[in-house]
Amino acid sequence: MHPLSDFEQQVLEACLKGPQPVLAALRSQIAKVQVSARTHTGVGSYIDFAMPQSVPRITPTELVFGDVDVQVEGVTAEVSTVLYIVGGHLHFLEFAALEGDWPKEPVV
C-alpha cells in the first residue's frame, strides 16, 4: 500500500468539492485511503484504492464522478478524469489524456 500522491489528493478534493453531505463524507475518506495499485497506460493511469473496513460507507453505495476539468503540466490535450465510488467508498480513479502522452508523475 502507498499513500496518495499530491496529484491524486488534489484531484480527489476537486472531484468531491461541494456542500452536499455525501461529498463531505467522501472527503473524510481521503485521509484514510491508500493506493493499492498505480497502472500507467501511456495515455493515462489507473489508481486503485484500498479503504480500511472501519471507515464509514456512504449511501448511495455506487457513484461515478467525471465532471472535473484537470489541467496537467505538460499535457496539452483535454484530460478525462473519472472517480468511482464502489461499496460506499473511494474505489478507483482513472485519468486519460485525449491526445498525446501521459507523464509518469503528473502535476496539476
PDB file of N, CA and C in Angstrom:
ATOM      1  N   MET A   1       0.841  -1.185   0.000  1.00  0.00           N
ATOM      2  CA  MET A   1       0.000   0.000   0.000  1.00  0.00           C
ATOM      3  C   MET A   1       0.884   1.245   0.000  1.00  0.00           C
ATOM      4  N   HIS A   2       0.362   2.280  -0.640  1.00  0.00           N
ATOM      5  CA  HIS A   2       1.104   3.529  -0.764  1.00  0.00           C
ATOM      6  C   HIS A   2       0.182   4.703  -0.433  1.00  0.00           C
ATOM      7  N   PRO A   3       0.745   5.798   0.065  1.00  0.00           N
ATOM      8  CA  PRO A   3      -0.080   6.998   0.283  1.00  0.00           C
ATOM      9  C   PRO A   3      -0.438   7.639  -1.050  1.00  0.00           C
ATOM     10  N   LEU A   4      -1.438   8.504  -1.027  1.00  0.00           N
ATOM     11  CA  LEU A   4      -1.801   9.272  -2.210  1.00  0.00           C
ATOM     12  C   LEU A   4      -0.655  10.188  -2.601  1.00  0.00           C
ATOM     13  N   SER A   5      -0.483  10.400  -3.897  1.00  0.00           N
ATOM     14  CA  SER A   5       0.446  11.424  -4.357  1.00  0.00           C
ATOM     15  C   SER A   5      -0.249  12.776  -4.188  1.00  0.00           C
ATOM     16  N   ASP A   6       0.519  13.857  -4.249  1.00  0.00           N
ATOM     17  CA  ASP A   6      -0.084  15.194  -4.183  1.00  0.00           C
ATOM     18  C   ASP A   6      -1.097  15.371  -5.309  1.00  0.00           C
ATOM     19  N   PHE A   7      -0.756  14.897  -6.503  1.00  0.00           N
ATOM     20  CA  PHE A   7      -1.646  14.998  -7.655  1.00  0.00           C
ATOM     21  C   PHE A   7      -2.967  14.278  -7.392  1.00  0.00           C
ATOM     22  N   GLU A   8      -2.893  13.046  -6.907  1.00  0.00           N
ATOM     23  CA  GLU A   8      -4.097  12.261  -6.635  1.00  0.00           C
ATOM     24  C   GLU A   8      -4.957  12.932  -5.575  1.00  0.00           C
ATOM     25  N   GLN A   9      -4.328  13.447  -4.540  1.00  0.00           N
ATOM     26  CA  GLN A   9      -5.068  14.133  -3.473  1.00  0.00           C
ATOM     27  C   GLN A   9      -5.778  15.366  -4.017  1.00  0.00           C
ATOM     28  N   GLN A  10      -5.081  16.159  -4.826  1.00  0.00           N
ATOM     29  CA  GLN A  10      -5.689  17.365  -5.390  1.00  0.00           C
ATOM     30  C   GLN A  10      -6.879  17.018  -6.277  1.00  0.00           C
ATOM     31  N   VAL A  11      -6.747  15.973  -7.078  1.00  0.00           N
ATOM     32  CA  VAL A  11      -7.848  15.590  -7.963  1.00  0.00           C
ATOM     33  C   VAL A  11      -9.035  15.056  -7.159  1.00  0.00           C
ATOM     34  N   LEU A  12      -8.771  14.236  -6.151  1.00  0.00           N
ATOM     35  CA  LEU A  12      -9.864  13.742  -5.305  1.00  0.00           C
ATOM     36  C   LEU A  12     -10.609  14.905  -4.650  1.00  0.00           C
ATOM     37  N   GLU A  13      -9.864  15.851  -4.116  1.00  0.00           N
ATOM     38  CA  GLU A  13     -10.507  17.007  -3.472  1.00  0.00           C
ATOM     39  C   GLU A  13     -11.343  17.799  -4.475  1.00  0.00           C
ATOM     40  N   ALA A  14     -10.846  17.952  -5.708  1.00  0.00           N
ATOM     41  CA  ALA A  14     -11.601  18.668  -6.738  1.00  0.00           C
ATOM     42  C   ALA A  14     -12.867  17.897  -7.128  1.00  0.00           C
ATOM     43  N   CYS A  15     -12.761  16.580  -7.246  1.00  0.00           N
ATOM     44  CA  CYS A  15     -13.928  15.752  -7.592  1.00  0.00           C
ATOM     45  C   CYS A  15     -15.021  15.839  -6.537  1.00  0.00           C
ATOM     46  N   LEU A  16     -14.610  15.987  -5.283  1.00  0.00           N
ATOM     47  CA  LEU A  16     -15.551  15.908  -4.160  1.00  0.00           C
ATOM     48  C   LEU A  16     -15.879  17.269  -3.567  1.00  0.00           C
ATOM     49  N   LYS A  17     -15.601  18.324  -4.305  1.00  0.00           N
ATOM     50  CA  LYS A  17     -15.880  19.677  -3.837  1.00  0.00           C
ATOM     51  C   LYS A  17     -17.384  19.940  -3.886  1.00  0.00           C
ATOM     52  N   GLY A  18     -17.903  20.559  -2.841  1.00  0.00           N
ATOM     53  CA  GLY A  18     -19.312  20.913  -2.825  1.00  0.00           C
ATOM     54  C   GLY A  18     -19.912  20.730  -1.442  1.00  0.00           C
ATOM     55  N   PRO A  19     -21.090  21.326  -1.213  1.00  0.00           N
ATOM     56  CA  PRO A  19     -21.695  21.327   0.120  1.00  0.00           C
ATOM     57  C   PRO A  19     -22.530  20.088   0.459  1.00  0.00           C
ATOM     58  N   GLN A  20     -22.762  19.194  -0.487  1.00  0.00           N
ATOM     59  CA  GLN A  20     -23.630  18.050  -0.235  1.00  0.00           C
ATOM     60  C   GLN A  20     -23.020  17.126   0.821  1.00  0.00           C
ATOM     61  N   PRO A  21     -23.858  16.608   1.739  1.00  0.00           N
ATOM     62  CA  PRO A  21     -23.358  15.720   2.796  1.00  0.00           C
ATOM     63  C   PRO A  21     -22.609  14.489   2.279  1.00  0.00           C
ATOM     64  N   VAL A  22     -23.067  13.910   1.157  1.00  0.00           N
ATOM     65  CA  VAL A  22     -22.380  12.733   0.621  1.00  0.00           C
ATOM     66  C   VAL A  22     -20.960  13.096   0.182  1.00  0.00           C
ATOM     67  N   LEU A  23     -20.776  14.303  -0.358  1.00  0.00           N
ATOM     68  CA  LEU A  23     -19.432  14.740  -0.755  1.00  0.00           C
ATOM     69  C   LEU A  23     -18.552  14.958   0.469  1.00  0.00           C
ATOM     70  N   ALA A  24     -19.123  15.529   1.517  1.00  0.00           N
ATOM     71  CA  ALA A  24     -18.363  15.725   2.762  1.00  0.00           C
ATOM     72  C   ALA A  24     -17.929  14.384   3.342  1.00  0.00           C
ATOM     73  N   ALA A  25     -18.810  13.397   3.302  1.00  0.00           N
ATOM     74  CA  ALA A  25     -18.472  12.065   3.820  1.00  0.00           C
ATOM     75  C   ALA A  25     -17.354  11.431   2.997  1.00  0.00           C
ATOM     76  N   LEU A  26     -17.414  11.592   1.679  1.00  0.00           N
ATOM     77  CA  LEU A  26     -16.356  11.050   0.822  1.00  0.00           C
ATOM     78  C   LEU A  26     -15.041  11.795   1.025  1.00  0.00           C
ATOM     79  N   ARG A  27     -15.108  13.104   1.223  1.00  0.00           N
ATOM     80  CA  ARG A  27     -13.880  13.869   1.512  1.00  0.00           C
ATOM     81  C   ARG A  27     -13.212  13.367   2.777  1.00  0.00           C
ATOM     82  N   SER A  28     -14.006  12.974   3.766  1.00  0.00           N
ATOM     83  CA  SER A  28     -13.416  12.468   5.011  1.00  0.00           C
ATOM     84  C   SER A  28     -12.691  11.141   4.789  1.00  0.00           C
ATOM     85  N   GLN A  29     -13.064  10.407   3.741  1.00  0.00           N
ATOM     86  CA  GLN A  29     -12.391   9.147   3.430  1.00  0.00           C
ATOM     87  C   GLN A  29     -10.983   9.361   2.866  1.00  0.00           C
ATOM     88  N   ILE A  30     -10.726  10.538   2.299  1.00  0.00           N
ATOM     89  CA  ILE A  30      -9.422  10.806   1.699  1.00  0.00           C
ATOM     90  C   ILE A  30      -8.291  10.594   2.705  1.00  0.00           C
ATOM     91  N   ALA A  31      -8.506  10.971   3.950  1.00  0.00           N
ATOM     92  CA  ALA A  31      -7.464  10.837   4.974  1.00  0.00           C
ATOM     93  C   ALA A  31      -7.128   9.379   5.276  1.00  0.00           C
ATOM     94  N   LYS A  32      -8.027   8.464   4.967  1.00  0.00           N
ATOM     95  CA  LYS A  32      -7.834   7.041   5.290  1.00  0.00           C
ATOM     96  C   LYS A  32      -7.465   6.170   4.088  1.00  0.00           C
ATOM     97  N   VAL A  33      -7.670   6.689   2.891  1.00  0.00           N
ATOM     98  CA  VAL A  33      -7.463   5.869   1.694  1.00  0.00           C
ATOM     99  C   VAL A  33      -5.974   5.618   1.441  1.00  0.00           C
ATOM    100  N   GLN A  34      -5.686   4.444   0.917  1.00  0.00           N
ATOM    101  CA  GLN A  34      -4.336   4.072   0.492  1.00  0.00           C
ATOM    102  C   GLN A  34      -4.413   3.646  -0.969  1.00  0.00           C
ATOM    103  N   VAL A  35      -3.310   3.788  -1.675  1.00  0.00           N
ATOM    104  CA  VAL A  35      -3.248   3.344  -3.066  1.00  0.00           C
ATOM    105  C   VAL A  35      -2.770   1.901  -3.077  1.00  0.00           C
ATOM    106  N   SER A  36      -3.569   1.015  -3.653  1.00  0.00           N
ATOM    107  CA  SER A  36      -3.175  -0.396  -3.735  1.00  0.00           C
ATOM    108  C   SER A  36      -2.449  -0.695  -5.043  1.00  0.00           C
ATOM    109  N   ALA A  37      -2.706   0.107  -6.094  1.00  0.00           N
ATOM    110  CA  ALA A  37      -2.018  -0.085  -7.364  1.00  0.00           C
ATOM    111  C   ALA A  37      -2.102   1.173  -8.210  1.00  0.00           C
ATOM    112  N   ARG A  38      -1.027   1.433  -8.950  1.00  0.00           N
ATOM    113  CA  ARG A  38      -0.990   2.502  -9.955  1.00  0.00           C
ATOM    114  C   ARG A  38      -0.577   1.851 -11.273  1.00  0.00           C
ATOM    115  N   THR A  39      -1.401   2.036 -12.290  1.00  0.00           N
ATOM    116  CA  THR A  39      -1.108   1.463 -13.602  1.00  0.00           C
ATOM    117  C   THR A  39      -0.982   2.591 -14.608  1.00  0.00           C
ATOM    118  N   HIS A  40       0.211   2.762 -15.152  1.00  0.00           N
ATOM    119  CA  HIS A  40       0.468   3.779 -16.173  1.00  0.00           C
ATOM    120  C   HIS A  40       0.160   3.157 -17.530  1.00  0.00           C
ATOM    121  N   THR A  41      -0.732   3.781 -18.312  1.00  0.00           N
ATOM    122  CA  THR A  41      -1.149   3.208 -19.589  1.00  0.00           C
ATOM    123  C   THR A  41      -0.471   3.848 -20.792  1.00  0.00           C
ATOM    124  N   GLY A  42       0.288   4.908 -20.557  1.00  0.00           N
ATOM    125  CA  GLY A  42       0.898   5.653 -21.655  1.00  0.00           C
ATOM    126  C   GLY A  42       0.099   6.888 -22.005  1.00  0.00           C
ATOM    127  N   VAL A  43      -1.228   6.763 -22.005  1.00  0.00           N
ATOM    128  CA  VAL A  43      -2.099   7.915 -22.263  1.00  0.00           C
ATOM    129  C   VAL A  43      -2.836   8.347 -20.999  1.00  0.00           C
ATOM    130  N   GLY A  44      -2.585   7.652 -19.916  1.00  0.00           N
ATOM    131  CA  GLY A  44      -3.249   7.957 -18.649  1.00  0.00           C
ATOM    132  C   GLY A  44      -2.778   7.017 -17.567  1.00  0.00           C
ATOM    133  N   SER A  45      -3.601   6.905 -16.537  1.00  0.00           N
ATOM    134  CA  SER A  45      -3.268   5.971 -15.460  1.00  0.00           C
ATOM    135  C   SER A  45      -4.529   5.562 -14.716  1.00  0.00           C
ATOM    136  N   TYR A  46      -4.424   4.400 -14.090  1.00  0.00           N
ATOM    137  CA  TYR A  46      -5.478   3.864 -13.231  1.00  0.00           C
ATOM    138  C   TYR A  46      -4.921   3.819 -11.823  1.00  0.00           C
ATOM    139  N   ILE A  47      -5.697   4.325 -10.876  1.00  0.00           N
ATOM    140  CA  ILE A  47      -5.297   4.331  -9.472  1.00  0.00           C
ATOM    141  C   ILE A  47      -6.337   3.525  -8.696  1.00  0.00           C
ATOM    142  N   ASP A  48      -5.917   2.396  -8.127  1.00  0.00           N
ATOM    143  CA  ASP A  48      -6.798   1.558  -7.314  1.00  0.00           C
ATOM    144  C   ASP A  48      -6.614   1.928  -5.850  1.00  0.00           C
ATOM    145  N   PHE A  49      -7.720   2.036  -5.126  1.00  0.00           N
ATOM    146  CA  PHE A  49      -7.681   2.408  -3.715  1.00  0.00           C
ATOM    147  C   PHE A  49      -8.041   1.240  -2.812  1.00  0.00           C
ATOM    148  N   ALA A  50      -7.520   1.290  -1.605  1.00  0.00           N
ATOM    149  CA  ALA A  50      -7.900   0.365  -0.536  1.00  0.00           C
ATOM    150  C   ALA A  50      -8.359   1.216   0.642  1.00  0.00           C
ATOM    151  N   MET A  51      -9.444   0.791   1.269  1.00  0.00           N
ATOM    152  CA  MET A  51     -10.025   1.541   2.372  1.00  0.00           C
ATOM    153  C   MET A  51     -10.192   0.612   3.572  1.00  0.00           C
ATOM    154  N   PRO A  52      -9.768   1.035   4.767  1.00  0.00           N
ATOM    155  CA  PRO A  52      -9.986   0.198   5.954  1.00  0.00           C
ATOM    156  C   PRO A  52     -11.477  -0.072   6.161  1.00  0.00           C
ATOM    157  N   GLN A  53     -11.801  -1.250   6.649  1.00  0.00           N
ATOM    158  CA  GLN A  53     -13.196  -1.619   6.899  1.00  0.00           C
ATOM    159  C   GLN A  53     -13.856  -0.714   7.932  1.00  0.00           C
ATOM    160  N   SER A  54     -13.062  -0.104   8.790  1.00  0.00           N
ATOM    161  CA  SER A  54     -13.613   0.740   9.861  1.00  0.00           C
ATOM    162  C   SER A  54     -14.140   2.089   9.366  1.00  0.00           C
ATOM    163  N   VAL A  55     -13.818   2.466   8.126  1.00  0.00           N
ATOM    164  CA  VAL A  55     -14.263   3.756   7.593  1.00  0.00           C
ATOM    165  C   VAL A  55     -15.743   3.663   7.215  1.00  0.00           C
ATOM    166  N   PRO A  56     -16.561   4.600   7.711  1.00  0.00           N
ATOM    167  CA  PRO A  56     -17.993   4.579   7.380  1.00  0.00           C
ATOM    168  C   PRO A  56     -18.231   4.678   5.872  1.00  0.00           C
ATOM    169  N   ARG A  57     -19.178   3.900   5.385  1.00  0.00           N
ATOM    170  CA  ARG A  57     -19.544   3.889   3.968  1.00  0.00           C
ATOM    171  C   ARG A  57     -20.665   4.892   3.729  1.00  0.00           C
ATOM    172  N   ILE A  58     -20.769   5.338   2.472  1.00  0.00           N
ATOM    173  CA  ILE A  58     -21.828   6.285   2.125  1.00  0.00           C
ATOM    174  C   ILE A  58     -22.961   5.558   1.411  1.00  0.00           C
ATOM    175  N   THR A  59     -24.097   6.228   1.361  1.00  0.00           N
ATOM    176  CA  THR A  59     -25.235   5.783   0.581  1.00  0.00           C
ATOM    177  C   THR A  59     -25.639   6.956  -0.300  1.00  0.00           C
ATOM    178  N   PRO A  60     -25.820   6.765  -1.581  1.00  0.00           N
ATOM    179  CA  PRO A  60     -25.797   5.509  -2.306  1.00  0.00           C
ATOM    180  C   PRO A  60     -24.382   4.933  -2.370  1.00  0.00           C
ATOM    181  N   THR A  61     -24.303   3.631  -2.498  1.00  0.00           N
ATOM    182  CA  THR A  61     -23.003   2.967  -2.417  1.00  0.00           C
ATOM    183  C   THR A  61     -22.250   2.954  -3.749  1.00  0.00           C
ATOM    184  N   GLU A  62     -22.924   3.239  -4.845  1.00  0.00           N
ATOM    185  CA  GLU A  62     -22.275   3.237  -6.161  1.00  0.00           C
ATOM    186  C   GLU A  62     -22.469   4.601  -6.822  1.00  0.00           C
ATOM    187  N   LEU A  63     -21.371   5.291  -7.109  1.00  0.00           N
ATOM    188  CA  LEU A  63     -21.411   6.593  -7.779  1.00  0.00           C
ATOM    189  C   LEU A  63     -20.233   6.696  -8.736  1.00  0.00           C
ATOM    190  N   VAL A  64     -20.381   7.547  -9.757  1.00  0.00           N
ATOM    191  CA  VAL A  64     -19.283   7.842 -10.674  1.00  0.00           C
ATOM    192  C   VAL A  64     -19.256   9.352 -10.874  1.00  0.00           C
ATOM    193  N   PHE A  65     -18.063   9.941 -10.699  1.00  0.00           N
ATOM    194  CA  PHE A  65     -17.871  11.375 -10.915  1.00  0.00           C
ATOM    195  C   PHE A  65     -16.946  11.546 -12.113  1.00  0.00           C
ATOM    196  N   GLY A  66     -17.339  12.381 -13.061  1.00  0.00           N
ATOM    197  CA  GLY A  66     -16.500  12.604 -14.223  1.00  0.00           C
ATOM    198  C   GLY A  66     -16.552  14.032 -14.718  1.00  0.00           C
ATOM    199  N   ASP A  67     -16.842  14.960 -13.823  1.00  0.00           N
ATOM    200  CA  ASP A  67     -17.059  16.340 -14.244  1.00  0.00           C
ATOM    201  C   ASP A  67     -15.966  17.298 -13.791  1.00  0.00           C
ATOM    202  N   VAL A  68     -14.744  16.793 -13.577  1.00  0.00           N
ATOM    203  CA  VAL A  68     -13.653  17.640 -13.108  1.00  0.00           C
ATOM    204  C   VAL A  68     -12.724  17.956 -14.273  1.00  0.00           C
ATOM    205  N   ASP A  69     -12.462  19.243 -14.468  1.00  0.00           N
ATOM    206  CA  ASP A  69     -11.545  19.684 -15.505  1.00  0.00           C
ATOM    207  C   ASP A  69     -10.153  19.784 -14.888  1.00  0.00           C
ATOM    208  N   VAL A  70      -9.254  18.891 -15.274  1.00  0.00           N
ATOM    209  CA  VAL A  70      -7.902  18.865 -14.721  1.00  0.00           C
ATOM    210  C   VAL A  70      -6.929  19.330 -15.785  1.00  0.00           C
ATOM    211  N   GLN A  71      -6.122  20.314 -15.435  1.00  0.00           N
ATOM    212  CA  GLN A  71      -5.047  20.786 -16.302  1.00  0.00           C
ATOM    213  C   GLN A  71      -3.760  20.150 -15.792  1.00  0.00           C
ATOM    214  N   VAL A  72      -3.120  19.321 -16.611  1.00  0.00           N
ATOM    215  CA  VAL A  72      -1.922  18.600 -16.204  1.00  0.00           C
ATOM    216  C   VAL A  72      -0.711  19.203 -16.911  1.00  0.00           C
ATOM    217  N   GLU A  73       0.300  19.516 -16.111  1.00  0.00           N
ATOM    218  CA  GLU A  73       1.530  20.092 -16.643  1.00  0.00           C
ATOM    219  C   GLU A  73       2.118  19.186 -17.726  1.00  0.00           C
ATOM    220  N   GLY A  74       2.399  19.766 -18.904  1.00  0.00           N
ATOM    221  CA  GLY A  74       2.990  19.006 -19.996  1.00  0.00           C
ATOM    222  C   GLY A  74       1.995  18.287 -20.887  1.00  0.00           C
ATOM    223  N   VAL A  75       0.714  18.309 -20.532  1.00  0.00           N
ATOM    224  CA  VAL A  75      -0.319  17.676 -21.352  1.00  0.00           C
ATOM    225  C   VAL A  75      -1.143  18.793 -21.986  1.00  0.00           C
ATOM    226  N   THR A  76      -1.079  18.892 -23.296  1.00  0.00           N
ATOM    227  CA  THR A  76      -1.764  19.998 -23.975  1.00  0.00           C
ATOM    228  C   THR A  76      -3.213  19.673 -24.309  1.00  0.00           C
ATOM    229  N   ALA A  77      -3.548  18.397 -24.339  1.00  0.00           N
ATOM    230  CA  ALA A  77      -4.912  17.981 -24.672  1.00  0.00           C
ATOM    231  C   ALA A  77      -5.792  17.961 -23.424  1.00  0.00           C
ATOM    232  N   GLU A  78      -7.084  17.837 -23.661  1.00  0.00           N
ATOM    233  CA  GLU A  78      -8.048  17.682 -22.571  1.00  0.00           C
ATOM    234  C   GLU A  78      -7.777  16.368 -21.834  1.00  0.00           C
ATOM    235  N   VAL A  79      -8.024  16.382 -20.525  1.00  0.00           N
ATOM    236  CA  VAL A  79      -7.806  15.191 -19.694  1.00  0.00           C
ATOM    237  C   VAL A  79      -9.147  14.700 -19.168  1.00  0.00           C
ATOM    238  N   SER A  80      -9.436  13.444 -19.405  1.00  0.00           N
ATOM    239  CA  SER A  80     -10.638  12.810 -18.866  1.00  0.00           C
ATOM    240  C   SER A  80     -10.301  12.261 -17.484  1.00  0.00           C
ATOM    241  N   THR A  81     -11.136  12.591 -16.508  1.00  0.00           N
ATOM    242  CA  THR A  81     -10.947  12.122 -15.135  1.00  0.00           C
ATOM    243  C   THR A  81     -12.248  11.494 -14.658  1.00  0.00           C
ATOM    244  N   VAL A  82     -12.156  10.256 -14.164  1.00  0.00           N
ATOM    245  CA  VAL A  82     -13.346   9.573 -13.663  1.00  0.00           C
ATOM    246  C   VAL A  82     -13.014   8.956 -12.303  1.00  0.00           C
ATOM    247  N   LEU A  83     -13.859   9.257 -11.299  1.00  0.00           N
ATOM    248  CA  LEU A  83     -13.719   8.707  -9.956  1.00  0.00           C
ATOM    249  C   LEU A  83     -14.890   7.763  -9.705  1.00  0.00           C
ATOM    250  N   TYR A  84     -14.559   6.555  -9.272  1.00  0.00           N
ATOM    251  CA  TYR A  84     -15.577   5.540  -8.995  1.00  0.00           C
ATOM    252  C   TYR A  84     -15.701   5.325  -7.497  1.00  0.00           C
ATOM    253  N   ILE A  85     -16.947   5.344  -7.017  1.00  0.00           N
ATOM    254  CA  ILE A  85     -17.285   5.006  -5.642  1.00  0.00           C
ATOM    255  C   ILE A  85     -17.974   3.646  -5.715  1.00  0.00           C
ATOM    256  N   VAL A  86     -17.410   2.654  -5.036  1.00  0.00           N
ATOM    257  CA  VAL A  86     -17.962   1.303  -5.057  1.00  0.00           C
ATOM    258  C   VAL A  86     -18.039   0.805  -3.620  1.00  0.00           C
ATOM    259  N   GLY A  87     -19.169   0.240  -3.259  1.00  0.00           N
ATOM    260  CA  GLY A  87     -19.324  -0.263  -1.896  1.00  0.00           C
ATOM    261  C   GLY A  87     -19.351   0.845  -0.855  1.00  0.00           C
ATOM    262  N   GLY A  88     -19.655   2.068  -1.303  1.00  0.00           N
ATOM    263  CA  GLY A  88     -19.764   3.193  -0.371  1.00  0.00           C
ATOM    264  C   GLY A  88     -18.453   3.864  -0.030  1.00  0.00           C
ATOM    265  N   HIS A  89     -17.383   3.560  -0.798  1.00  0.00           N
ATOM    266  CA  HIS A  89     -16.104   4.225  -0.506  1.00  0.00           C
ATOM    267  C   HIS A  89     -15.326   4.501  -1.792  1.00  0.00           C
ATOM    268  N   LEU A  90     -14.310   5.348  -1.675  1.00  0.00           N
ATOM    269  CA  LEU A  90     -13.422   5.651  -2.789  1.00  0.00           C
ATOM    270  C   LEU A  90     -12.819   4.341  -3.280  1.00  0.00           C
ATOM    271  N   HIS A  91     -12.931   4.083  -4.582  1.00  0.00           N
ATOM    272  CA  HIS A  91     -12.520   2.778  -5.100  1.00  0.00           C
ATOM    273  C   HIS A  91     -11.466   2.860  -6.209  1.00  0.00           C
ATOM    274  N   PHE A  92     -11.645   3.797  -7.153  1.00  0.00           N
ATOM    275  CA  PHE A  92     -10.825   3.781  -8.354  1.00  0.00           C
ATOM    276  C   PHE A  92     -10.838   5.157  -9.005  1.00  0.00           C
ATOM    277  N   LEU A  93      -9.680   5.599  -9.498  1.00  0.00           N
ATOM    278  CA  LEU A  93      -9.555   6.882 -10.183  1.00  0.00           C
ATOM    279  C   LEU A  93      -8.889   6.623 -11.524  1.00  0.00           C
ATOM    280  N   GLU A  94      -9.455   7.197 -12.569  1.00  0.00           N
ATOM    281  CA  GLU A  94      -8.951   6.961 -13.925  1.00  0.00           C
ATOM    282  C   GLU A  94      -8.627   8.292 -14.595  1.00  0.00           C
ATOM    283  N   PHE A  95      -7.469   8.355 -15.238  1.00  0.00           N
ATOM    284  CA  PHE A  95      -7.059   9.538 -15.999  1.00  0.00           C
ATOM    285  C   PHE A  95      -6.735   9.108 -17.418  1.00  0.00           C
ATOM    286  N   ALA A  96      -7.072   9.969 -18.389  1.00  0.00           N
ATOM    287  CA  ALA A  96      -6.678   9.716 -19.770  1.00  0.00           C
ATOM    288  C   ALA A  96      -6.532  11.044 -20.501  1.00  0.00           C
ATOM    289  N   ALA A  97      -5.370  11.244 -21.119  1.00  0.00           N
ATOM    290  CA  ALA A  97      -5.176  12.397 -21.990  1.00  0.00           C
ATOM    291  C   ALA A  97      -5.841  12.052 -23.313  1.00  0.00           C
ATOM    292  N   LEU A  98      -6.687  12.937 -23.805  1.00  0.00           N
ATOM    293  CA  LEU A  98      -7.410  12.628 -25.029  1.00  0.00           C
ATOM    294  C   LEU A  98      -6.507  12.682 -26.256  1.00  0.00           C
ATOM    295  N   GLU A  99      -5.275  13.118 -26.045  1.00  0.00           N
ATOM    296  CA  GLU A  99      -4.285  13.141 -27.113  1.00  0.00           C
ATOM    297  C   GLU A  99      -2.907  13.267 -26.481  1.00  0.00           C
ATOM    298  N   GLY A 100      -1.934  12.583 -27.018  1.00  0.00           N
ATOM    299  CA  GLY A 100      -0.566  12.702 -26.533  1.00  0.00           C
ATOM    300  C   GLY A 100      -0.263  11.749 -25.388  1.00  0.00           C
ATOM    301  N   ASP A 101       0.899  11.965 -24.795  1.00  0.00           N
ATOM    302  CA  ASP A 101       1.396  11.092 -23.730  1.00  0.00           C
ATOM    303  C   ASP A 101       1.004  11.593 -22.344  1.00  0.00           C
ATOM    304  N   TRP A 102       0.981  10.659 -21.409  1.00  0.00           N
ATOM    305  CA  TRP A 102       0.692  10.949 -20.006  1.00  0.00           C
ATOM    306  C   TRP A 102       2.011  10.896 -19.224  1.00  0.00           C
ATOM    307  N   PRO A 103       2.274  11.926 -18.393  1.00  0.00           N
ATOM    308  CA  PRO A 103       3.532  11.909 -17.634  1.00  0.00           C
ATOM    309  C   PRO A 103       3.539  10.825 -16.547  1.00  0.00           C
ATOM    310  N   LYS A 104       4.718  10.292 -16.263  1.00  0.00           N
ATOM    311  CA  LYS A 104       4.851   9.274 -15.214  1.00  0.00           C
ATOM    312  C   LYS A 104       4.479   9.847 -13.851  1.00  0.00           C
ATOM    313  N   GLU A 105       4.798  11.130 -13.622  1.00  0.00           N
ATOM    314  CA  GLU A 105       4.459  11.803 -12.364  1.00  0.00           C
ATOM    315  C   GLU A 105       3.729  13.091 -12.686  1.00  0.00           C
ATOM    316  N   PRO A 106       2.409  13.013 -12.871  1.00  0.00           N
ATOM    317  CA  PRO A 106       1.642  14.206 -13.271  1.00  0.00           C
ATOM    318  C   PRO A 106       1.580  15.275 -12.176  1.00  0.00           C
ATOM    319  N   VAL A 107       1.489  16.517 -12.633  1.00  0.00           N
ATOM    320  CA  VAL A 107       1.384  17.671 -11.744  1.00  0.00           C
ATOM    321  C   VAL A 107       0.229  18.530 -12.232  1.00  0.00           C
ATOM    322  N   VAL A 108      -0.635  18.962 -11.304  1.00  0.00           N
ATOM    323  CA  VAL A 108      -1.746  19.847 -11.660  1.00  0.00           C
ATOM    324  C   VAL A 108      -1.187  21.196 -12.015  1.00  0.00           C
TER     325      VAL A 108
END
